[in-house]
């Protein structure tokens, strides 16, 4: 298994059916669609996808989702006691 992604390959891994380190296209290692789907969904939602990678060490992927304010339906309801 190959850890980390070389800088030259970092944009290509988001392409459909793109896999690094699987020249025989062994389907037991996936189809190469996961990151393409993530990028497509993030783009539709207007969210950035980031990648930090160090060859030989590993990679971190992130989708930055903004914190939303609570809606009125989610706020706690104060109980009133009728006596």
PDB file of N, CA and C in Angstrom:
ATOM      1  N   UNK A   1       0.849  -1.174   0.000  1.00  0.00           N
ATOM      2  CA  UNK A   1       0.000   0.000   0.000  1.00  0.00           C
ATOM      3  C   UNK A   1       0.895   1.237   0.000  1.00  0.00           C
ATOM      4  N   UNK A   2       0.476   2.204  -0.731  1.00  0.00           N
ATOM      5  CA  UNK A   2       1.223   3.449  -0.889  1.00  0.00           C
ATOM      6  C   UNK A   2       0.608   4.523  -0.001  1.00  0.00           C
ATOM      7  N   UNK A   3       1.415   5.117   0.856  1.00  0.00           N
ATOM      8  CA  UNK A   3       0.923   6.178   1.733  1.00  0.00           C
ATOM      9  C   UNK A   3       1.278   7.539   1.159  1.00  0.00           C
ATOM     10  N   UNK A   4       0.365   8.465   1.286  1.00  0.00           N
ATOM     11  CA  UNK A   4       0.612   9.821   0.798  1.00  0.00           C
ATOM     12  C   UNK A   4       0.447   9.921  -0.709  1.00  0.00           C
ATOM     13  N   UNK A   5       0.288  11.143  -1.170  1.00  0.00           N
ATOM     14  CA  UNK A   5       0.068  11.409  -2.592  1.00  0.00           C
ATOM     15  C   UNK A   5       1.051  12.485  -3.031  1.00  0.00           C
ATOM     16  N   UNK A   6       1.801  12.193  -4.071  1.00  0.00           N
ATOM     17  CA  UNK A   6       2.768  13.159  -4.589  1.00  0.00           C
ATOM     18  C   UNK A   6       2.043  14.415  -5.063  1.00  0.00           C
ATOM     19  N   UNK A   7       2.655  15.588  -4.887  1.00  0.00           N
ATOM     20  CA  UNK A   7       2.007  16.837  -5.317  1.00  0.00           C
ATOM     21  C   UNK A   7       1.527  16.813  -6.772  1.00  0.00           C
ATOM     22  N   UNK A   8       2.270  16.167  -7.649  1.00  0.00           N
ATOM     23  CA  UNK A   8       1.890  16.116  -9.066  1.00  0.00           C
ATOM     24  C   UNK A   8       0.609  15.325  -9.303  1.00  0.00           C
ATOM     25  N   UNK A   9       0.251  14.419  -8.395  1.00  0.00           N
ATOM     26  CA  UNK A   9      -0.939  13.579  -8.557  1.00  0.00           C
ATOM     27  C   UNK A   9      -2.146  14.076  -7.780  1.00  0.00           C
ATOM     28  N   UNK A  10      -1.992  15.095  -6.964  1.00  0.00           N
ATOM     29  CA  UNK A  10      -3.057  15.494  -6.043  1.00  0.00           C
ATOM     30  C   UNK A  10      -4.316  15.996  -6.727  1.00  0.00           C
ATOM     31  N   UNK A  11      -4.235  16.657  -7.842  1.00  0.00           N
ATOM     32  CA  UNK A  11      -5.471  17.100  -8.509  1.00  0.00           C
ATOM     33  C   UNK A  11      -6.101  15.961  -9.304  1.00  0.00           C
ATOM     34  N   UNK A  12      -5.290  15.041  -9.822  1.00  0.00           N
ATOM     35  CA  UNK A  12      -5.794  13.947 -10.656  1.00  0.00           C
ATOM     36  C   UNK A  12      -6.606  12.933  -9.871  1.00  0.00           C
ATOM     37  N   UNK A  13      -6.369  12.799  -8.578  1.00  0.00           N
ATOM     38  CA  UNK A  13      -7.080  11.773  -7.810  1.00  0.00           C
ATOM     39  C   UNK A  13      -8.568  12.070  -7.670  1.00  0.00           C
ATOM     40  N   UNK A  14      -8.992  13.274  -8.010  1.00  0.00           N
ATOM     41  CA  UNK A  14     -10.400  13.630  -7.962  1.00  0.00           C
ATOM     42  C   UNK A  14     -11.106  13.356  -9.290  1.00  0.00           C
ATOM     43  N   UNK A  15     -10.380  12.821 -10.280  1.00  0.00           N
ATOM     44  CA  UNK A  15     -10.963  12.484 -11.577  1.00  0.00           C
ATOM     45  C   UNK A  15     -11.690  11.142 -11.494  1.00  0.00           C
ATOM     46  N   UNK A  16     -12.745  10.989 -12.305  1.00  0.00           N
ATOM     47  CA  UNK A  16     -13.482   9.725 -12.354  1.00  0.00           C
ATOM     48  C   UNK A  16     -12.553   8.577 -12.732  1.00  0.00           C
ATOM     49  N   UNK A  17     -12.701   7.467 -12.024  1.00  0.00           N
ATOM     50  CA  UNK A  17     -11.988   6.214 -12.278  1.00  0.00           C
ATOM     51  C   UNK A  17     -10.465   6.333 -12.170  1.00  0.00           C
ATOM     52  N   UNK A  18      -9.995   7.321 -11.461  1.00  0.00           N
ATOM     53  CA  UNK A  18      -8.545   7.504 -11.306  1.00  0.00           C
ATOM     54  C   UNK A  18      -8.096   6.845 -10.017  1.00  0.00           C
ATOM     55  N   UNK A  19      -7.125   5.968 -10.132  1.00  0.00           N
ATOM     56  CA  UNK A  19      -6.536   5.308  -8.982  1.00  0.00           C
ATOM     57  C   UNK A  19      -5.021   5.361  -9.109  1.00  0.00           C
ATOM     58  N   UNK A  20      -4.386   5.628  -8.009  1.00  0.00           N
ATOM     59  CA  UNK A  20      -2.928   5.591  -7.984  1.00  0.00           C
ATOM     60  C   UNK A  20      -2.511   4.249  -7.392  1.00  0.00           C
ATOM     61  N   UNK A  21      -1.451   3.693  -7.878  1.00  0.00           N
ATOM     62  CA  UNK A  21      -0.939   2.455  -7.316  1.00  0.00           C
ATOM     63  C   UNK A  21      -1.800   1.238  -7.604  1.00  0.00           C
ATOM     64  N   UNK A  22      -2.601   1.272  -8.647  1.00  0.00           N
ATOM     65  CA  UNK A  22      -3.421   0.124  -9.031  1.00  0.00           C
ATOM     66  C   UNK A  22      -3.387  -0.019 -10.550  1.00  0.00           C
ATOM     67  N   UNK A  23      -2.201  -0.284 -11.107  1.00  0.00           N
ATOM     68  CA  UNK A  23      -2.078  -0.318 -12.574  1.00  0.00           C
ATOM     69  C   UNK A  23      -2.874  -1.443 -13.233  1.00  0.00           C
ATOM     70  N   UNK A  24      -3.170  -2.511 -12.500  1.00  0.00           N
ATOM     71  CA  UNK A  24      -3.928  -3.628 -13.074  1.00  0.00           C
ATOM     72  C   UNK A  24      -5.435  -3.437 -12.951  1.00  0.00           C
ATOM     73  N   UNK A  25      -5.841  -2.309 -12.354  1.00  0.00           N
ATOM     74  CA  UNK A  25      -7.264  -1.982 -12.176  1.00  0.00           C
ATOM     75  C   UNK A  25      -7.990  -3.091 -11.413  1.00  0.00           C
ATOM     76  N   UNK A  26      -7.367  -3.562 -10.351  1.00  0.00           N
ATOM     77  CA  UNK A  26      -7.946  -4.593  -9.492  1.00  0.00           C
ATOM     78  C   UNK A  26      -9.134  -4.000  -8.741  1.00  0.00           C
ATOM     79  N   UNK A  27     -10.331  -4.490  -9.022  1.00  0.00           N
ATOM     80  CA  UNK A  27     -11.549  -3.925  -8.431  1.00  0.00           C
ATOM     81  C   UNK A  27     -11.643  -4.149  -6.927  1.00  0.00           C
ATOM     82  N   UNK A  28     -10.829  -5.046  -6.384  1.00  0.00           N
ATOM     83  CA  UNK A  28     -10.822  -5.217  -4.924  1.00  0.00           C
ATOM     84  C   UNK A  28     -10.293  -3.969  -4.230  1.00  0.00           C
ATOM     85  N   UNK A  29      -9.649  -3.096  -4.984  1.00  0.00           N
ATOM     86  CA  UNK A  29      -9.121  -1.845  -4.445  1.00  0.00           C
ATOM     87  C   UNK A  29     -10.018  -0.658  -4.779  1.00  0.00           C
ATOM     88  N   UNK A  30     -11.238  -0.936  -5.206  1.00  0.00           N
ATOM     89  CA  UNK A  30     -12.186   0.125  -5.523  1.00  0.00           C
ATOM     90  C   UNK A  30     -12.249   0.419  -7.002  1.00  0.00           C
ATOM     91  N   UNK A  31     -13.090   1.386  -7.350  1.00  0.00           N
ATOM     92  CA  UNK A  31     -13.282   1.752  -8.752  1.00  0.00           C
ATOM     93  C   UNK A  31     -12.688   3.109  -9.103  1.00  0.00           C
ATOM     94  N   UNK A  32     -12.270   3.863  -8.099  1.00  0.00           N
ATOM     95  CA  UNK A  32     -11.735   5.183  -8.378  1.00  0.00           C
ATOM     96  C   UNK A  32     -12.813   6.236  -8.545  1.00  0.00           C
ATOM     97  N   UNK A  33     -13.942   6.033  -7.882  1.00  0.00           N
ATOM     98  CA  UNK A  33     -15.031   7.003  -7.979  1.00  0.00           C
ATOM     99  C   UNK A  33     -15.261   7.791  -6.694  1.00  0.00           C
ATOM    100  N   UNK A  34     -14.774   7.308  -5.573  1.00  0.00           N
ATOM    101  CA  UNK A  34     -15.071   7.922  -4.278  1.00  0.00           C
ATOM    102  C   UNK A  34     -14.738   9.395  -4.195  1.00  0.00           C
ATOM    103  N   UNK A  35     -13.518   9.763  -4.519  1.00  0.00           N
ATOM    104  CA  UNK A  35     -13.127  11.171  -4.420  1.00  0.00           C
ATOM    105  C   UNK A  35     -13.786  12.023  -5.500  1.00  0.00           C
ATOM    106  N   UNK A  36     -14.079  11.429  -6.656  1.00  0.00           N
ATOM    107  CA  UNK A  36     -14.789  12.168  -7.707  1.00  0.00           C
ATOM    108  C   UNK A  36     -16.201  12.514  -7.237  1.00  0.00           C
ATOM    109  N   UNK A  37     -16.839  11.577  -6.547  1.00  0.00           N
ATOM    110  CA  UNK A  37     -18.181  11.822  -6.018  1.00  0.00           C
ATOM    111  C   UNK A  37     -18.137  12.886  -4.923  1.00  0.00           C
ATOM    112  N   UNK A  38     -17.165  12.790  -4.047  1.00  0.00           N
ATOM    113  CA  UNK A  38     -17.013  13.793  -2.983  1.00  0.00           C
ATOM    114  C   UNK A  38     -16.845  15.185  -3.583  1.00  0.00           C
ATOM    115  N   UNK A  39     -15.964  15.302  -4.562  1.00  0.00           N
ATOM    116  CA  UNK A  39     -15.730  16.617  -5.187  1.00  0.00           C
ATOM    117  C   UNK A  39     -16.998  17.133  -5.859  1.00  0.00           C
ATOM    118  N   UNK A  40     -17.723  16.256  -6.554  1.00  0.00           N
ATOM    119  CA  UNK A  40     -18.937  16.669  -7.254  1.00  0.00           C
ATOM    120  C   UNK A  40     -20.009  17.144  -6.269  1.00  0.00           C
ATOM    121  N   UNK A  41     -20.213  16.400  -5.185  1.00  0.00           N
ATOM    122  CA  UNK A  41     -21.200  16.799  -4.187  1.00  0.00           C
ATOM    123  C   UNK A  41     -20.802  18.107  -3.492  1.00  0.00           C
ATOM    124  N   UNK A  42     -19.541  18.229  -3.145  1.00  0.00           N
ATOM    125  CA  UNK A  42     -19.068  19.458  -2.496  1.00  0.00           C
ATOM    126  C   UNK A  42     -19.252  20.661  -3.418  1.00  0.00           C
ATOM    127  N   UNK A  43     -18.986  20.475  -4.692  1.00  0.00           N
ATOM    128  CA  UNK A  43     -19.163  21.566  -5.657  1.00  0.00           C
ATOM    129  C   UNK A  43     -20.639  21.962  -5.743  1.00  0.00           C
ATOM    130  N   UNK A  44     -21.540  20.973  -5.794  1.00  0.00           N
ATOM    131  CA  UNK A  44     -22.981  21.269  -5.849  1.00  0.00           C
ATOM    132  C   UNK A  44     -23.445  22.022  -4.610  1.00  0.00           C
ATOM    133  N   UNK A  45     -22.842  21.714  -3.465  1.00  0.00           N
ATOM    134  CA  UNK A  45     -23.213  22.376  -2.211  1.00  0.00           C
ATOM    135  C   UNK A  45     -22.430  23.660  -1.958  1.00  0.00           C
ATOM    136  N   UNK A  46     -21.494  23.969  -2.839  1.00  0.00           N
ATOM    137  CA  UNK A  46     -20.685  25.176  -2.675  1.00  0.00           C
ATOM    138  C   UNK A  46     -19.698  25.070  -1.521  1.00  0.00           C
ATOM    139  N   UNK A  47     -19.205  23.862  -1.247  1.00  0.00           N
ATOM    140  CA  UNK A  47     -18.290  23.646  -0.136  1.00  0.00           C
ATOM    141  C   UNK A  47     -16.895  23.299  -0.652  1.00  0.00           C
ATOM    142  N   UNK A  48     -15.869  23.789   0.014  1.00  0.00           N
ATOM    143  CA  UNK A  48     -14.511  23.470  -0.426  1.00  0.00           C
ATOM    144  C   UNK A  48     -14.051  22.096   0.070  1.00  0.00           C
ATOM    145  N   UNK A  49     -13.281  21.410  -0.767  1.00  0.00           N
ATOM    146  CA  UNK A  49     -12.632  20.154  -0.392  1.00  0.00           C
ATOM    147  C   UNK A  49     -11.139  20.443  -0.322  1.00  0.00           C
ATOM    148  N   UNK A  50     -10.511  20.028   0.761  1.00  0.00           N
ATOM    149  CA  UNK A  50      -9.070  20.254   0.880  1.00  0.00           C
ATOM    150  C   UNK A  50      -8.341  18.931   1.069  1.00  0.00           C
ATOM    151  N   UNK A  51      -7.075  18.945   0.725  1.00  0.00           N
ATOM    152  CA  UNK A  51      -6.222  17.773   0.824  1.00  0.00           C
ATOM    153  C   UNK A  51      -4.874  18.192   1.365  1.00  0.00           C
ATOM    154  N   UNK A  52      -4.422  17.489   2.390  1.00  0.00           N
ATOM    155  CA  UNK A  52      -3.051  17.626   2.879  1.00  0.00           C
ATOM    156  C   UNK A  52      -2.431  16.254   2.765  1.00  0.00           C
ATOM    157  N   UNK A  53      -1.266  16.162   2.145  1.00  0.00           N
ATOM    158  CA  UNK A  53      -0.654  14.865   1.957  1.00  0.00           C
ATOM    159  C   UNK A  53       0.859  14.970   2.010  1.00  0.00           C
ATOM    160  N   UNK A  54       1.459  13.979   2.631  1.00  0.00           N
ATOM    161  CA  UNK A  54       2.909  13.875   2.689  1.00  0.00           C
ATOM    162  C   UNK A  54       3.273  12.490   2.171  1.00  0.00           C
ATOM    163  N   UNK A  55       3.928  12.414   1.007  1.00  0.00           N
ATOM    164  CA  UNK A  55       4.307  11.101   0.480  1.00  0.00           C
ATOM    165  C   UNK A  55       5.103  10.306   1.515  1.00  0.00           C
ATOM    166  N   UNK A  56       4.726   9.034   1.644  1.00  0.00           N
ATOM    167  CA  UNK A  56       5.369   8.157   2.607  1.00  0.00           C
ATOM    168  C   UNK A  56       4.768   8.226   3.999  1.00  0.00           C
ATOM    169  N   UNK A  57       3.916   9.223   4.256  1.00  0.00           N
ATOM    170  CA  UNK A  57       3.307   9.383   5.587  1.00  0.00           C
ATOM    171  C   UNK A  57       1.803   9.174   5.552  1.00  0.00           C
ATOM    172  N   UNK A  58       1.070   9.876   4.684  1.00  0.00           N
ATOM    173  CA  UNK A  58      -0.379   9.739   4.623  1.00  0.00           C
ATOM    174  C   UNK A  58      -1.060  10.988   4.114  1.00  0.00           C
ATOM    175  N   UNK A  59      -2.395  10.944   4.096  1.00  0.00           N
ATOM    176  CA  UNK A  59      -3.197  12.039   3.552  1.00  0.00           C
ATOM    177  C   UNK A  59      -4.385  12.331   4.455  1.00  0.00           C
ATOM    178  N   UNK A  60      -4.821  13.587   4.420  1.00  0.00           N
ATOM    179  CA  UNK A  60      -6.017  14.024   5.138  1.00  0.00           C
ATOM    180  C   UNK A  60      -6.890  14.784   4.146  1.00  0.00           C
ATOM    181  N   UNK A  61      -8.151  14.356   4.046  1.00  0.00           N
ATOM    182  CA  UNK A  61      -9.131  15.023   3.196  1.00  0.00           C
ATOM    183  C   UNK A  61     -10.160  15.678   4.101  1.00  0.00           C
ATOM    184  N   UNK A  62     -10.669  16.838   3.698  1.00  0.00           N
ATOM    185  CA  UNK A  62     -11.679  17.527   4.503  1.00  0.00           C
ATOM    186  C   UNK A  62     -12.666  18.257   3.602  1.00  0.00           C
ATOM    187  N   UNK A  63     -13.918  18.238   4.022  1.00  0.00           N
ATOM    188  CA  UNK A  63     -14.961  19.062   3.410  1.00  0.00           C
ATOM    189  C   UNK A  63     -15.366  20.046   4.497  1.00  0.00           C
ATOM    190  N   UNK A  64     -15.171  21.331   4.244  1.00  0.00           N
ATOM    191  CA  UNK A  64     -15.480  22.361   5.232  1.00  0.00           C
ATOM    192  C   UNK A  64     -16.953  22.732   5.143  1.00  0.00           C
ATOM    193  N   UNK A  65     -17.696  22.397   6.205  1.00  0.00           N
ATOM    194  CA  UNK A  65     -19.135  22.667   6.265  1.00  0.00           C
ATOM    195  C   UNK A  65     -19.359  23.756   7.301  1.00  0.00           C
ATOM    196  N   UNK A  66     -20.006  24.854   6.918  1.00  0.00           N
ATOM    197  CA  UNK A  66     -20.218  25.939   7.876  1.00  0.00           C
ATOM    198  C   UNK A  66     -21.198  25.534   8.979  1.00  0.00           C
ATOM    199  N   UNK A  67     -20.982  26.082  10.149  1.00  0.00           N
ATOM    200  CA  UNK A  67     -21.875  25.855  11.272  1.00  0.00           C
ATOM    201  C   UNK A  67     -23.150  26.651  11.040  1.00  0.00           C
ATOM    202  N   UNK A  68     -24.284  25.985  11.174  1.00  0.00           N
ATOM    203  CA  UNK A  68     -25.563  26.653  10.943  1.00  0.00           C
ATOM    204  C   UNK A  68     -26.154  27.104  12.274  1.00  0.00           C
ATOM    205  N   UNK A  69     -26.897  28.185  12.234  1.00  0.00           N
ATOM    206  CA  UNK A  69     -27.614  28.646  13.419  1.00  0.00           C
ATOM    207  C   UNK A  69     -28.794  27.710  13.651  1.00  0.00           C
ATOM    208  N   UNK A  70     -29.171  27.525  14.896  1.00  0.00           N
ATOM    209  CA  UNK A  70     -30.311  26.674  15.215  1.00  0.00           C
ATOM    210  C   UNK A  70     -31.595  27.308  14.697  1.00  0.00           C
ATOM    211  N   UNK A  71     -32.462  26.481  14.149  1.00  0.00           N
ATOM    212  CA  UNK A  71     -33.743  27.012  13.682  1.00  0.00           C
ATOM    213  C   UNK A  71     -34.712  27.055  14.866  1.00  0.00           C
ATOM    214  N   UNK A  72     -35.811  27.750  14.695  1.00  0.00           N
ATOM    215  CA  UNK A  72     -36.803  27.894  15.768  1.00  0.00           C
ATOM    216  C   UNK A  72     -37.343  26.530  16.195  1.00  0.00           C
ATOM    217  N   UNK A  73     -37.437  25.592  15.271  1.00  0.00           N
ATOM    218  CA  UNK A  73     -37.962  24.263  15.592  1.00  0.00           C
ATOM    219  C   UNK A  73     -36.997  23.484  16.479  1.00  0.00           C
ATOM    220  N   UNK A  74     -35.726  23.844  16.475  1.00  0.00           N
ATOM    221  CA  UNK A  74     -34.738  23.115  17.259  1.00  0.00           C
ATOM    222  C   UNK A  74     -34.478  23.741  18.622  1.00  0.00           C
ATOM    223  N   UNK A  75     -35.005  24.930  18.880  1.00  0.00           N
ATOM    224  CA  UNK A  75     -34.765  25.591  20.144  1.00  0.00           C
ATOM    225  C   UNK A  75     -35.597  24.946  21.242  1.00  0.00           C
ATOM    226  N   UNK A  76     -35.073  24.883  22.446  1.00  0.00           N
ATOM    227  CA  UNK A  76     -35.833  24.274  23.536  1.00  0.00           C
ATOM    228  C   UNK A  76     -37.106  25.089  23.831  1.00  0.00           C
ATOM    229  N   UNK A  77     -38.140  24.386  24.177  1.00  0.00           N
ATOM    230  CA  UNK A  77     -39.426  25.014  24.486  1.00  0.00           C
ATOM    231  C   UNK A  77     -39.571  25.104  25.999  1.00  0.00           C
ATOM    232  N   UNK A  78     -39.914  26.281  26.456  1.00  0.00           N
ATOM    233  CA  UNK A  78     -40.145  26.454  27.895  1.00  0.00           C
ATOM    234  C   UNK A  78     -41.531  25.931  28.230  1.00  0.00           C
ATOM    235  N   UNK A  79     -41.589  25.125  29.277  1.00  0.00           N
ATOM    236  CA  UNK A  79     -42.894  24.584  29.658  1.00  0.00           C
ATOM    237  C   UNK A  79     -43.607  25.581  30.554  1.00  0.00           C
ATOM    238  N   UNK A  80     -44.884  25.690  30.348  1.00  0.00           N
ATOM    239  CA  UNK A  80     -45.688  26.559  31.198  1.00  0.00           C
ATOM    240  C   UNK A  80     -46.602  25.670  32.020  1.00  0.00           C
ATOM    241  N   UNK A  81     -46.672  25.954  33.291  1.00  0.00           N
ATOM    242  CA  UNK A  81     -47.534  25.128  34.128  1.00  0.00           C
ATOM    243  C   UNK A  81     -48.860  25.849  34.343  1.00  0.00           C
ATOM    244  N   UNK A  82     -49.921  25.145  34.030  1.00  0.00           N
ATOM    245  CA  UNK A  82     -51.268  25.703  34.241  1.00  0.00           C
ATOM    246  C   UNK A  82     -51.806  25.130  35.547  1.00  0.00           C
ATOM    247  N   UNK A  83     -52.119  26.014  36.501  1.00  0.00           N
ATOM    248  CA  UNK A  83     -52.592  25.519  37.793  1.00  0.00           C
ATOM    249  C   UNK A  83     -54.007  25.921  38.039  1.00  0.00           C
TER     250      UNK A  83
END
